[in-house]
Amino acid sequence: MHNLFLGELKHHCVEVWGIDVKDKTGGTKKIHPHTPEQQKRYLEEALECLKNRDSRKLSKIRKGYLTSIAMLNGITPTPPNSLTKASYIKALADWVRMLTSLQIFDSPVLIYPKAEHGYS
């Protein structure tokens, strides 16, 4: 009886309502962990982009590195509920523009591989 009901439900979802219930998991790509050497390289690259005020290159850096640098320097994106990569880049770029001397606290390199850099 249960299987009969599930068959009817599937028929209604797909045929009557036109809802495709297939699982589409190919849309997201898996983030591979960075080794400590890669972490160091990406953090240095992020700091170099900030020093050169290059937002375009900064957008190629993983969001985790950007959030780490922002958190260590007391920077929050505006509005505070907008935690997108673009809002972090804008907040960091605005912050660097206001500095008289460029002293940026760097995020520490972890001694183990990690997929997303940050404090989670």
PDB file of N, CA and C in Angstrom:
ATOM      1  N   MET A   1       0.819  -1.181   0.000  1.00  0.00           N
ATOM      2  CA  MET A   1       0.000   0.000   0.000  1.00  0.00           C
ATOM      3  C   MET A   1       0.875   1.262   0.000  1.00  0.00           C
ATOM      4  N   HIS A   2       1.926   1.234   0.820  1.00  0.00           N
ATOM      5  CA  HIS A   2       2.822   2.385   0.921  1.00  0.00           C
ATOM      6  C   HIS A   2       3.474   2.683  -0.432  1.00  0.00           C
ATOM      7  N   ASN A   3       3.985   1.649  -1.104  1.00  0.00           N
ATOM      8  CA  ASN A   3       4.625   1.834  -2.405  1.00  0.00           C
ATOM      9  C   ASN A   3       3.647   2.366  -3.441  1.00  0.00           C
ATOM     10  N   LEU A   4       2.412   1.945  -3.369  1.00  0.00           N
ATOM     11  CA  LEU A   4       1.389   2.435  -4.286  1.00  0.00           C
ATOM     12  C   LEU A   4       1.195   3.940  -4.100  1.00  0.00           C
ATOM     13  N   PHE A   5       1.130   4.377  -2.851  1.00  0.00           N
ATOM     14  CA  PHE A   5       0.977   5.802  -2.563  1.00  0.00           C
ATOM     15  C   PHE A   5       2.176   6.602  -3.073  1.00  0.00           C
ATOM     16  N   LEU A   6       3.388   6.079  -2.873  1.00  0.00           N
ATOM     17  CA  LEU A   6       4.580   6.781  -3.346  1.00  0.00           C
ATOM     18  C   LEU A   6       4.591   6.889  -4.861  1.00  0.00           C
ATOM     19  N   GLY A   7       4.112   5.851  -5.530  1.00  0.00           N
ATOM     20  CA  GLY A   7       4.012   5.898  -6.990  1.00  0.00           C
ATOM     21  C   GLY A   7       3.049   6.978  -7.442  1.00  0.00           C
ATOM     22  N   GLU A   8       1.932   7.106  -6.752  1.00  0.00           N
ATOM     23  CA  GLU A   8       0.949   8.146  -7.085  1.00  0.00           C
ATOM     24  C   GLU A   8       1.522   9.542  -6.822  1.00  0.00           C
ATOM     25  N   LEU A   9       2.238   9.676  -5.722  1.00  0.00           N
ATOM     26  CA  LEU A   9       2.842  10.967  -5.393  1.00  0.00           C
ATOM     27  C   LEU A   9       3.853  11.371  -6.466  1.00  0.00           C
ATOM     28  N   LYS A  10       4.678  10.420  -6.874  1.00  0.00           N
ATOM     29  CA  LYS A  10       5.669  10.704  -7.914  1.00  0.00           C
ATOM     30  C   LYS A  10       4.967  11.094  -9.209  1.00  0.00           C
ATOM     31  N   HIS A  11       3.912  10.373  -9.563  1.00  0.00           N
ATOM     32  CA  HIS A  11       3.156  10.673 -10.781  1.00  0.00           C
ATOM     33  C   HIS A  11       2.624  12.108 -10.735  1.00  0.00           C
ATOM     34  N   HIS A  12       2.051  12.500  -9.607  1.00  0.00           N
ATOM     35  CA  HIS A  12       1.502  13.846  -9.498  1.00  0.00           C
ATOM     36  C   HIS A  12       2.596  14.915  -9.544  1.00  0.00           C
ATOM     37  N   CYS A  13       3.700  14.661  -8.860  1.00  0.00           N
ATOM     38  CA  CYS A  13       4.786  15.649  -8.856  1.00  0.00           C
ATOM     39  C   CYS A  13       5.363  15.852 -10.252  1.00  0.00           C
ATOM     40  N   VAL A  14       5.653  14.746 -10.935  1.00  0.00           N
ATOM     41  CA  VAL A  14       6.326  14.830 -12.227  1.00  0.00           C
ATOM     42  C   VAL A  14       5.363  15.122 -13.364  1.00  0.00           C
ATOM     43  N   GLU A  15       4.293  14.359 -13.458  1.00  0.00           N
ATOM     44  CA  GLU A  15       3.397  14.466 -14.610  1.00  0.00           C
ATOM     45  C   GLU A  15       2.379  15.597 -14.475  1.00  0.00           C
ATOM     46  N   VAL A  16       1.714  15.672 -13.356  1.00  0.00           N
ATOM     47  CA  VAL A  16       0.628  16.637 -13.211  1.00  0.00           C
ATOM     48  C   VAL A  16       1.166  18.044 -12.941  1.00  0.00           C
ATOM     49  N   TRP A  17       2.078  18.168 -11.957  1.00  0.00           N
ATOM     50  CA  TRP A  17       2.574  19.489 -11.587  1.00  0.00           C
ATOM     51  C   TRP A  17       3.824  19.897 -12.369  1.00  0.00           C
ATOM     52  N   GLY A  18       4.475  18.944 -13.020  1.00  0.00           N
ATOM     53  CA  GLY A  18       5.662  19.255 -13.813  1.00  0.00           C
ATOM     54  C   GLY A  18       6.905  19.536 -12.999  1.00  0.00           C
ATOM     55  N   ILE A  19       6.967  18.988 -11.801  1.00  0.00           N
ATOM     56  CA  ILE A  19       8.129  19.193 -10.934  1.00  0.00           C
ATOM     57  C   ILE A  19       9.136  18.085 -11.194  1.00  0.00           C
ATOM     58  N   ASP A  20      10.373  18.470 -11.507  1.00  0.00           N
ATOM     59  CA  ASP A  20      11.437  17.493 -11.708  1.00  0.00           C
ATOM     60  C   ASP A  20      12.098  17.252 -10.356  1.00  0.00           C
ATOM     61  N   VAL A  21      12.019  16.034  -9.857  1.00  0.00           N
ATOM     62  CA  VAL A  21      12.522  15.732  -8.516  1.00  0.00           C
ATOM     63  C   VAL A  21      13.881  15.048  -8.537  1.00  0.00           C
ATOM     64  N   LYS A  22      14.584  15.112  -9.652  1.00  0.00           N
ATOM     65  CA  LYS A  22      15.907  14.497  -9.719  1.00  0.00           C
ATOM     66  C   LYS A  22      16.895  15.314  -8.893  1.00  0.00           C
ATOM     67  N   ASP A  23      17.829  14.612  -8.275  1.00  0.00           N
ATOM     68  CA  ASP A  23      18.852  15.265  -7.467  1.00  0.00           C
ATOM     69  C   ASP A  23      19.950  15.773  -8.387  1.00  0.00           C
ATOM     70  N   LYS A  24      20.222  17.051  -8.333  1.00  0.00           N
ATOM     71  CA  LYS A  24      21.257  17.648  -9.175  1.00  0.00           C
ATOM     72  C   LYS A  24      22.404  18.092  -8.283  1.00  0.00           C
ATOM     73  N   THR A  25      23.295  17.188  -7.953  1.00  0.00           N
ATOM     74  CA  THR A  25      24.395  17.516  -7.045  1.00  0.00           C
ATOM     75  C   THR A  25      25.630  18.008  -7.782  1.00  0.00           C
ATOM     76  N   GLY A  26      25.616  18.053  -9.089  1.00  0.00           N
ATOM     77  CA  GLY A  26      26.793  18.471  -9.838  1.00  0.00           C
ATOM     78  C   GLY A  26      27.020  19.964  -9.845  1.00  0.00           C
ATOM     79  N   GLY A  27      26.130  20.751  -9.267  1.00  0.00           N
ATOM     80  CA  GLY A  27      26.230  22.201  -9.324  1.00  0.00           C
ATOM     81  C   GLY A  27      27.294  22.802  -8.428  1.00  0.00           C
ATOM     82  N   THR A  28      27.702  22.109  -7.396  1.00  0.00           N
ATOM     83  CA  THR A  28      28.708  22.653  -6.493  1.00  0.00           C
ATOM     84  C   THR A  28      30.010  21.897  -6.667  1.00  0.00           C
ATOM     85  N   LYS A  29      31.104  22.628  -6.549  1.00  0.00           N
ATOM     86  CA  LYS A  29      32.390  21.952  -6.640  1.00  0.00           C
ATOM     87  C   LYS A  29      32.989  21.836  -5.246  1.00  0.00           C
ATOM     88  N   LYS A  30      33.672  20.739  -5.023  1.00  0.00           N
ATOM     89  CA  LYS A  30      34.249  20.486  -3.710  1.00  0.00           C
ATOM     90  C   LYS A  30      35.516  21.322  -3.539  1.00  0.00           C
ATOM     91  N   ILE A  31      35.628  21.939  -2.391  1.00  0.00           N
ATOM     92  CA  ILE A  31      36.815  22.732  -2.090  1.00  0.00           C
ATOM     93  C   ILE A  31      37.870  21.801  -1.513  1.00  0.00           C
ATOM     94  N   HIS A  32      39.032  21.801  -2.147  1.00  0.00           N
ATOM     95  CA  HIS A  32      40.122  20.951  -1.678  1.00  0.00           C
ATOM     96  C   HIS A  32      40.906  21.684  -0.594  1.00  0.00           C
ATOM     97  N   PRO A  33      41.336  20.960   0.425  1.00  0.00           N
ATOM     98  CA  PRO A  33      42.095  21.591   1.508  1.00  0.00           C
ATOM     99  C   PRO A  33      43.420  22.160   1.006  1.00  0.00           C
ATOM    100  N   HIS A  34      43.819  23.284   1.556  1.00  0.00           N
ATOM    101  CA  HIS A  34      45.116  23.869   1.245  1.00  0.00           C
ATOM    102  C   HIS A  34      46.135  23.391   2.267  1.00  0.00           C
ATOM    103  N   THR A  35      47.310  23.059   1.782  1.00  0.00           N
ATOM    104  CA  THR A  35      48.411  22.684   2.667  1.00  0.00           C
ATOM    105  C   THR A  35      48.898  23.951   3.375  1.00  0.00           C
ATOM    106  N   PRO A  36      49.684  23.813   4.437  1.00  0.00           N
ATOM    107  CA  PRO A  36      50.222  25.010   5.092  1.00  0.00           C
ATOM    108  C   PRO A  36      51.003  25.921   4.131  1.00  0.00           C
ATOM    109  N   GLU A  37      51.724  25.332   3.186  1.00  0.00           N
ATOM    110  CA  GLU A  37      52.474  26.133   2.211  1.00  0.00           C
ATOM    111  C   GLU A  37      51.525  26.924   1.312  1.00  0.00           C
ATOM    112  N   GLN A  38      50.443  26.282   0.881  1.00  0.00           N
ATOM    113  CA  GLN A  38      49.452  26.974   0.056  1.00  0.00           C
ATOM    114  C   GLN A  38      48.759  28.075   0.857  1.00  0.00           C
ATOM    115  N   GLN A  39      48.457  27.799   2.120  1.00  0.00           N
ATOM    116  CA  GLN A  39      47.829  28.808   2.970  1.00  0.00           C
ATOM    117  C   GLN A  39      48.714  30.044   3.057  1.00  0.00           C
ATOM    118  N   LYS A  40      50.007  29.817   3.291  1.00  0.00           N
ATOM    119  CA  LYS A  40      50.957  30.930   3.402  1.00  0.00           C
ATOM    120  C   LYS A  40      50.993  31.727   2.109  1.00  0.00           C
ATOM    121  N   ARG A  41      51.023  31.029   0.974  1.00  0.00           N
ATOM    122  CA  ARG A  41      51.083  31.698  -0.327  1.00  0.00           C
ATOM    123  C   ARG A  41      49.829  32.531  -0.577  1.00  0.00           C
ATOM    124  N   TYR A  42      48.648  31.967  -0.286  1.00  0.00           N
ATOM    125  CA  TYR A  42      47.399  32.686  -0.527  1.00  0.00           C
ATOM    126  C   TYR A  42      47.217  33.865   0.431  1.00  0.00           C
ATOM    127  N   LEU A  43      47.642  33.704   1.668  1.00  0.00           N
ATOM    128  CA  LEU A  43      47.561  34.827   2.609  1.00  0.00           C
ATOM    129  C   LEU A  43      48.487  35.964   2.184  1.00  0.00           C
ATOM    130  N   GLU A  44      49.700  35.611   1.739  1.00  0.00           N
ATOM    131  CA  GLU A  44      50.628  36.635   1.255  1.00  0.00           C
ATOM    132  C   GLU A  44      50.071  37.321   0.012  1.00  0.00           C
ATOM    133  N   GLU A  45      49.455  36.535  -0.863  1.00  0.00           N
ATOM    134  CA  GLU A  45      48.850  37.096  -2.073  1.00  0.00           C
ATOM    135  C   GLU A  45      47.697  38.040  -1.718  1.00  0.00           C
ATOM    136  N   ALA A  46      46.887  37.653  -0.744  1.00  0.00           N
ATOM    137  CA  ALA A  46      45.772  38.507  -0.316  1.00  0.00           C
ATOM    138  C   ALA A  46      46.294  39.824   0.255  1.00  0.00           C
ATOM    139  N   LEU A  47      47.338  39.756   1.070  1.00  0.00           N
ATOM    140  CA  LEU A  47      47.911  40.975   1.643  1.00  0.00           C
ATOM    141  C   LEU A  47      48.520  41.858   0.563  1.00  0.00           C
ATOM    142  N   GLU A  48      49.149  41.238  -0.416  1.00  0.00           N
ATOM    143  CA  GLU A  48      49.724  41.995  -1.529  1.00  0.00           C
ATOM    144  C   GLU A  48      48.631  42.696  -2.333  1.00  0.00           C
ATOM    145  N   CYS A  49      47.527  42.008  -2.551  1.00  0.00           N
ATOM    146  CA  CYS A  49      46.387  42.613  -3.259  1.00  0.00           C
ATOM    147  C   CYS A  49      45.832  43.797  -2.478  1.00  0.00           C
ATOM    148  N   LEU A  50      45.766  43.671  -1.159  1.00  0.00           N
ATOM    149  CA  LEU A  50      45.283  44.779  -0.332  1.00  0.00           C
ATOM    150  C   LEU A  50      46.244  45.966  -0.388  1.00  0.00           C
ATOM    151  N   LYS A  51      47.540  45.682  -0.311  1.00  0.00           N
ATOM    152  CA  LYS A  51      48.533  46.760  -0.362  1.00  0.00           C
ATOM    153  C   LYS A  51      48.488  47.490  -1.704  1.00  0.00           C
ATOM    154  N   ASN A  52      48.254  46.731  -2.785  1.00  0.00           N
ATOM    155  CA  ASN A  52      48.183  47.322  -4.123  1.00  0.00           C
ATOM    156  C   ASN A  52      46.787  47.823  -4.466  1.00  0.00           C
ATOM    157  N   ARG A  53      45.851  47.622  -3.545  1.00  0.00           N
ATOM    158  CA  ARG A  53      44.445  48.031  -3.738  1.00  0.00           C
ATOM    159  C   ARG A  53      43.864  47.425  -5.015  1.00  0.00           C
ATOM    160  N   ASP A  54      44.099  46.135  -5.190  1.00  0.00           N
ATOM    161  CA  ASP A  54      43.646  45.424  -6.386  1.00  0.00           C
ATOM    162  C   ASP A  54      42.472  44.506  -6.033  1.00  0.00           C
ATOM    163  N   SER A  55      41.268  45.028  -6.130  1.00  0.00           N
ATOM    164  CA  SER A  55      40.065  44.263  -5.775  1.00  0.00           C
ATOM    165  C   SER A  55      39.806  43.123  -6.748  1.00  0.00           C
ATOM    166  N   ARG A  56      40.205  43.297  -8.008  1.00  0.00           N
ATOM    167  CA  ARG A  56      39.972  42.253  -9.007  1.00  0.00           C
ATOM    168  C   ARG A  56      40.755  40.983  -8.658  1.00  0.00           C
ATOM    169  N   LYS A  57      42.022  41.139  -8.324  1.00  0.00           N
ATOM    170  CA  LYS A  57      42.827  39.977  -7.939  1.00  0.00           C
ATOM    171  C   LYS A  57      42.380  39.427  -6.586  1.00  0.00           C
ATOM    172  N   LEU A  58      41.935  40.313  -5.720  1.00  0.00           N
ATOM    173  CA  LEU A  58      41.467  39.894  -4.399  1.00  0.00           C
ATOM    174  C   LEU A  58      40.245  38.991  -4.517  1.00  0.00           C
ATOM    175  N   SER A  59      39.440  39.192  -5.544  1.00  0.00           N
ATOM    176  CA  SER A  59      38.236  38.375  -5.729  1.00  0.00           C
ATOM    177  C   SER A  59      38.562  36.936  -6.119  1.00  0.00           C
ATOM    178  N   LYS A  60      39.808  36.660  -6.485  1.00  0.00           N
ATOM    179  CA  LYS A  60      40.211  35.296  -6.843  1.00  0.00           C
ATOM    180  C   LYS A  60      40.674  34.495  -5.628  1.00  0.00           C
ATOM    181  N   ILE A  61      40.779  35.153  -4.490  1.00  0.00           N
ATOM    182  CA  ILE A  61      41.202  34.496  -3.246  1.00  0.00           C
ATOM    183  C   ILE A  61      39.969  33.902  -2.569  1.00  0.00           C
ATOM    184  N   ARG A  62      40.132  32.764  -1.921  1.00  0.00           N
ATOM    185  CA  ARG A  62      39.012  32.129  -1.222  1.00  0.00           C
ATOM    186  C   ARG A  62      38.439  33.038  -0.142  1.00  0.00           C
ATOM    187  N   LYS A  63      37.142  32.926   0.021  1.00  0.00           N
ATOM    188  CA  LYS A  63      36.429  33.761   0.992  1.00  0.00           C
ATOM    189  C   LYS A  63      36.962  33.558   2.414  1.00  0.00           C
ATOM    190  N   GLY A  64      37.349  32.345   2.757  1.00  0.00           N
ATOM    191  CA  GLY A  64      37.842  32.062   4.104  1.00  0.00           C
ATOM    192  C   GLY A  64      39.057  32.893   4.481  1.00  0.00           C
ATOM    193  N   TYR A  65      39.966  33.102   3.525  1.00  0.00           N
ATOM    194  CA  TYR A  65      41.141  33.930   3.788  1.00  0.00           C
ATOM    195  C   TYR A  65      40.724  35.379   4.024  1.00  0.00           C
ATOM    196  N   LEU A  66      39.785  35.848   3.211  1.00  0.00           N
ATOM    197  CA  LEU A  66      39.321  37.238   3.339  1.00  0.00           C
ATOM    198  C   LEU A  66      38.621  37.468   4.674  1.00  0.00           C
ATOM    199  N   THR A  67      37.786  36.512   5.081  1.00  0.00           N
ATOM    200  CA  THR A  67      37.087  36.669   6.362  1.00  0.00           C
ATOM    201  C   THR A  67      38.071  36.625   7.530  1.00  0.00           C
ATOM    202  N   SER A  68      39.106  35.798   7.424  1.00  0.00           N
ATOM    203  CA  SER A  68      40.116  35.734   8.493  1.00  0.00           C
ATOM    204  C   SER A  68      40.833  37.063   8.645  1.00  0.00           C
ATOM    205  N   ILE A  69      41.257  37.631   7.521  1.00  0.00           N
ATOM    206  CA  ILE A  69      41.952  38.920   7.565  1.00  0.00           C
ATOM    207  C   ILE A  69      41.017  39.999   8.112  1.00  0.00           C
ATOM    208  N   ALA A  70      39.768  39.975   7.666  1.00  0.00           N
ATOM    209  CA  ALA A  70      38.791  40.968   8.139  1.00  0.00           C
ATOM    210  C   ALA A  70      38.566  40.839   9.645  1.00  0.00           C
ATOM    211  N   MET A  71      38.393  39.620  10.131  1.00  0.00           N
ATOM    212  CA  MET A  71      38.142  39.410  11.560  1.00  0.00           C
ATOM    213  C   MET A  71      39.329  39.856  12.409  1.00  0.00           C
ATOM    214  N   LEU A  72      40.540  39.531  11.971  1.00  0.00           N
ATOM    215  CA  LEU A  72      41.730  39.905  12.742  1.00  0.00           C
ATOM    216  C   LEU A  72      41.943  41.412  12.796  1.00  0.00           C
ATOM    217  N   ASN A  73      41.415  42.119  11.808  1.00  0.00           N
ATOM    218  CA  ASN A  73      41.587  43.568  11.750  1.00  0.00           C
ATOM    219  C   ASN A  73      40.337  44.327  12.169  1.00  0.00           C
ATOM    220  N   GLY A  74      39.340  43.606  12.696  1.00  0.00           N
ATOM    221  CA  GLY A  74      38.129  44.245  13.203  1.00  0.00           C
ATOM    222  C   GLY A  74      37.254  44.861  12.125  1.00  0.00           C
ATOM    223  N   ILE A  75      37.241  44.258  10.952  1.00  0.00           N
ATOM    224  CA  ILE A  75      36.465  44.790   9.831  1.00  0.00           C
ATOM    225  C   ILE A  75      35.213  43.949   9.656  1.00  0.00           C
ATOM    226  N   THR A  76      34.073  44.618   9.564  1.00  0.00           N
ATOM    227  CA  THR A  76      32.820  43.917   9.275  1.00  0.00           C
ATOM    228  C   THR A  76      32.214  44.511   8.014  1.00  0.00           C
ATOM    229  N   PRO A  77      31.678  43.651   7.154  1.00  0.00           N
ATOM    230  CA  PRO A  77      31.048  44.164   5.933  1.00  0.00           C
ATOM    231  C   PRO A  77      29.786  44.949   6.262  1.00  0.00           C
ATOM    232  N   THR A  78      29.432  45.863   5.376  1.00  0.00           N
ATOM    233  CA  THR A  78      28.190  46.614   5.554  1.00  0.00           C
ATOM    234  C   THR A  78      27.246  46.266   4.423  1.00  0.00           C
ATOM    235  N   PRO A  79      26.036  46.007   4.690  1.00  0.00           N
ATOM    236  CA  PRO A  79      25.418  45.851   6.000  1.00  0.00           C
ATOM    237  C   PRO A  79      25.953  44.605   6.705  1.00  0.00           C
ATOM    238  N   PRO A  80      25.911  44.575   8.022  1.00  0.00           N
ATOM    239  CA  PRO A  80      26.481  43.457   8.783  1.00  0.00           C
ATOM    240  C   PRO A  80      25.879  42.091   8.464  1.00  0.00           C
ATOM    241  N   ASN A  81      24.670  42.063   7.939  1.00  0.00           N
ATOM    242  CA  ASN A  81      24.067  40.765   7.616  1.00  0.00           C
ATOM    243  C   ASN A  81      24.453  40.288   6.220  1.00  0.00           C
ATOM    244  N   SER A  82      25.233  41.076   5.493  1.00  0.00           N
ATOM    245  CA  SER A  82      25.699  40.686   4.166  1.00  0.00           C
ATOM    246  C   SER A  82      27.091  40.085   4.293  1.00  0.00           C
ATOM    247  N   LEU A  83      27.163  38.787   4.371  1.00  0.00           N
ATOM    248  CA  LEU A  83      28.441  38.105   4.572  1.00  0.00           C
ATOM    249  C   LEU A  83      28.931  37.447   3.290  1.00  0.00           C
ATOM    250  N   THR A  84      28.711  38.100   2.163  1.00  0.00           N
ATOM    251  CA  THR A  84      29.156  37.552   0.887  1.00  0.00           C
ATOM    252  C   THR A  84      30.628  37.882   0.671  1.00  0.00           C
ATOM    253  N   LYS A  85      31.226  37.176  -0.258  1.00  0.00           N
ATOM    254  CA  LYS A  85      32.623  37.423  -0.589  1.00  0.00           C
ATOM    255  C   LYS A  85      32.797  38.856  -1.101  1.00  0.00           C
ATOM    256  N   ALA A  86      31.869  39.298  -1.939  1.00  0.00           N
ATOM    257  CA  ALA A  86      31.942  40.652  -2.494  1.00  0.00           C
ATOM    258  C   ALA A  86      31.863  41.715  -1.397  1.00  0.00           C
ATOM    259  N   SER A  87      31.033  41.484  -0.380  1.00  0.00           N
ATOM    260  CA  SER A  87      30.916  42.474   0.698  1.00  0.00           C
ATOM    261  C   SER A  87      32.189  42.515   1.545  1.00  0.00           C
ATOM    262  N   TYR A  88      32.852  41.365   1.720  1.00  0.00           N
ATOM    263  CA  TYR A  88      34.129  41.359   2.439  1.00  0.00           C
ATOM    264  C   TYR A  88      35.197  42.095   1.634  1.00  0.00           C
ATOM    265  N   ILE A  89      35.225  41.876   0.322  1.00  0.00           N
ATOM    266  CA  ILE A  89      36.207  42.559  -0.528  1.00  0.00           C
ATOM    267  C   ILE A  89      35.993  44.066  -0.466  1.00  0.00           C
ATOM    268  N   LYS A  90      34.746  44.492  -0.553  1.00  0.00           N
ATOM    269  CA  LYS A  90      34.440  45.931  -0.495  1.00  0.00           C
ATOM    270  C   LYS A  90      34.832  46.513   0.863  1.00  0.00           C
ATOM    271  N   ALA A  91      34.513  45.806   1.939  1.00  0.00           N
ATOM    272  CA  ALA A  91      34.851  46.294   3.282  1.00  0.00           C
ATOM    273  C   ALA A  91      36.367  46.391   3.465  1.00  0.00           C
ATOM    274  N   LEU A  92      37.101  45.377   2.994  1.00  0.00           N
ATOM    275  CA  LEU A  92      38.561  45.405   3.104  1.00  0.00           C
ATOM    276  C   LEU A  92      39.148  46.535   2.259  1.00  0.00           C
ATOM    277  N   ALA A  93      38.638  46.702   1.042  1.00  0.00           N
ATOM    278  CA  ALA A  93      39.139  47.758   0.156  1.00  0.00           C
ATOM    279  C   ALA A  93      38.862  49.140   0.749  1.00  0.00           C
ATOM    280  N   ASP A  94      37.672  49.336   1.299  1.00  0.00           N
ATOM    281  CA  ASP A  94      37.335  50.621   1.933  1.00  0.00           C
ATOM    282  C   ASP A  94      38.232  50.886   3.135  1.00  0.00           C
ATOM    283  N   TRP A  95      38.483  49.852   3.901  1.00  0.00           N
ATOM    284  CA  TRP A  95      39.323  49.974   5.093  1.00  0.00           C
ATOM    285  C   TRP A  95      40.755  50.347   4.718  1.00  0.00           C
ATOM    286  N   VAL A  96      41.300  49.703   3.683  1.00  0.00           N
ATOM    287  CA  VAL A  96      42.671  49.981   3.253  1.00  0.00           C
ATOM    288  C   VAL A  96      42.781  51.420   2.742  1.00  0.00           C
ATOM    289  N   ARG A  97      41.742  51.909   2.065  1.00  0.00           N
ATOM    290  CA  ARG A  97      41.749  53.286   1.561  1.00  0.00           C
ATOM    291  C   ARG A  97      41.831  54.308   2.696  1.00  0.00           C
ATOM    292  N   MET A  98      41.279  53.982   3.853  1.00  0.00           N
ATOM    293  CA  MET A  98      41.260  54.922   4.980  1.00  0.00           C
ATOM    294  C   MET A  98      42.542  54.889   5.813  1.00  0.00           C
ATOM    295  N   LEU A  99      43.376  53.887   5.631  1.00  0.00           N
ATOM    296  CA  LEU A  99      44.590  53.761   6.441  1.00  0.00           C
ATOM    297  C   LEU A  99      45.635  54.791   6.034  1.00  0.00           C
ATOM    298  N   THR A 100      46.337  55.345   7.027  1.00  0.00           N
ATOM    299  CA  THR A 100      47.454  56.238   6.724  1.00  0.00           C
ATOM    300  C   THR A 100      48.737  55.431   6.565  1.00  0.00           C
ATOM    301  N   SER A 101      48.923  54.441   7.390  1.00  0.00           N
ATOM    302  CA  SER A 101      50.044  53.515   7.223  1.00  0.00           C
ATOM    303  C   SER A 101      49.460  52.112   7.144  1.00  0.00           C
ATOM    304  N   LEU A 102      50.007  51.332   6.267  1.00  0.00           N
ATOM    305  CA  LEU A 102      49.424  50.021   6.000  1.00  0.00           C
ATOM    306  C   LEU A 102      49.971  48.976   6.962  1.00  0.00           C
ATOM    307  N   GLN A 103      49.268  48.769   8.062  1.00  0.00           N
ATOM    308  CA  GLN A 103      49.605  47.709   8.998  1.00  0.00           C
ATOM    309  C   GLN A 103      48.403  46.782   9.077  1.00  0.00           C
ATOM    310  N   ILE A 104      48.546  45.638   8.425  1.00  0.00           N
ATOM    311  CA  ILE A 104      47.454  44.673   8.358  1.00  0.00           C
ATOM    312  C   ILE A 104      47.863  43.451   9.156  1.00  0.00           C
ATOM    313  N   PHE A 105      47.001  43.026  10.059  1.00  0.00           N
ATOM    314  CA  PHE A 105      47.270  41.803  10.802  1.00  0.00           C
ATOM    315  C   PHE A 105      46.965  40.617   9.908  1.00  0.00           C
ATOM    316  N   ASP A 106      47.932  39.737   9.802  1.00  0.00           N
ATOM    317  CA  ASP A 106      47.828  38.579   8.930  1.00  0.00           C
ATOM    318  C   ASP A 106      47.237  37.405   9.695  1.00  0.00           C
ATOM    319  N   SER A 107      46.460  36.600   9.004  1.00  0.00           N
ATOM    320  CA  SER A 107      45.898  35.389   9.594  1.00  0.00           C
ATOM    321  C   SER A 107      47.005  34.348   9.720  1.00  0.00           C
ATOM    322  N   PRO A 108      47.022  33.575  10.797  1.00  0.00           N
ATOM    323  CA  PRO A 108      48.079  32.575  10.956  1.00  0.00           C
ATOM    324  C   PRO A 108      47.911  31.417   9.979  1.00  0.00           C
ATOM    325  N   VAL A 109      49.040  30.864   9.562  1.00  0.00           N
ATOM    326  CA  VAL A 109      49.028  29.671   8.724  1.00  0.00           C
ATOM    327  C   VAL A 109      48.812  28.484   9.641  1.00  0.00           C
ATOM    328  N   LEU A 110      47.908  27.611   9.264  1.00  0.00           N
ATOM    329  CA  LEU A 110      47.619  26.432  10.072  1.00  0.00           C
ATOM    330  C   LEU A 110      48.631  25.341   9.765  1.00  0.00           C
ATOM    331  N   ILE A 111      48.910  24.482  10.721  1.00  0.00           N
ATOM    332  CA  ILE A 111      49.916  23.438  10.523  1.00  0.00           C
ATOM    333  C   ILE A 111      49.329  22.185   9.892  1.00  0.00           C
ATOM    334  N   TYR A 112      48.074  22.243   9.504  1.00  0.00           N
ATOM    335  CA  TYR A 112      47.408  21.106   8.877  1.00  0.00           C
ATOM    336  C   TYR A 112      46.593  21.612   7.694  1.00  0.00           C
ATOM    337  N   PRO A 113      46.347  20.745   6.707  1.00  0.00           N
ATOM    338  CA  PRO A 113      45.538  21.161   5.559  1.00  0.00           C
ATOM    339  C   PRO A 113      44.108  21.478   5.983  1.00  0.00           C
ATOM    340  N   LYS A 114      43.522  22.501   5.375  1.00  0.00           N
ATOM    341  CA  LYS A 114      42.154  22.883   5.693  1.00  0.00           C
ATOM    342  C   LYS A 114      41.476  23.383   4.428  1.00  0.00           C
ATOM    343  N   ALA A 115      40.192  23.020   4.251  1.00  0.00           N
ATOM    344  CA  ALA A 115      39.463  23.400   3.042  1.00  0.00           C
ATOM    345  C   ALA A 115      39.119  24.878   3.046  1.00  0.00           C
ATOM    346  N   GLU A 116      38.622  25.409   4.140  1.00  0.00           N
ATOM    347  CA  GLU A 116      38.265  26.826   4.246  1.00  0.00           C
ATOM    348  C   GLU A 116      39.064  27.429   5.371  1.00  0.00           C
ATOM    349  N   HIS A 117      39.781  28.482   5.080  1.00  0.00           N
ATOM    350  CA  HIS A 117      40.573  29.144   6.103  1.00  0.00           C
ATOM    351  C   HIS A 117      39.648  30.010   6.940  1.00  0.00           C
ATOM    352  N   GLY A 118      39.876  30.077   8.198  1.00  0.00           N
ATOM    353  CA  GLY A 118      39.039  30.910   9.050  1.00  0.00           C
ATOM    354  C   GLY A 118      38.989  30.359  10.458  1.00  0.00           C
ATOM    355  N   TYR A 119      38.087  30.894  11.225  1.00  0.00           N
ATOM    356  CA  TYR A 119      37.982  30.531  12.631  1.00  0.00           C
ATOM    357  C   TYR A 119      36.783  29.661  12.909  1.00  0.00           C
ATOM    358  N   SER A 120      36.508  28.713  12.052  1.00  0.00           N
ATOM    359  CA  SER A 120      35.354  27.840  12.284  1.00  0.00           C
ATOM    360  C   SER A 120      35.793  26.482  12.756  1.00  0.00           C
TER     361      SER A 120
END
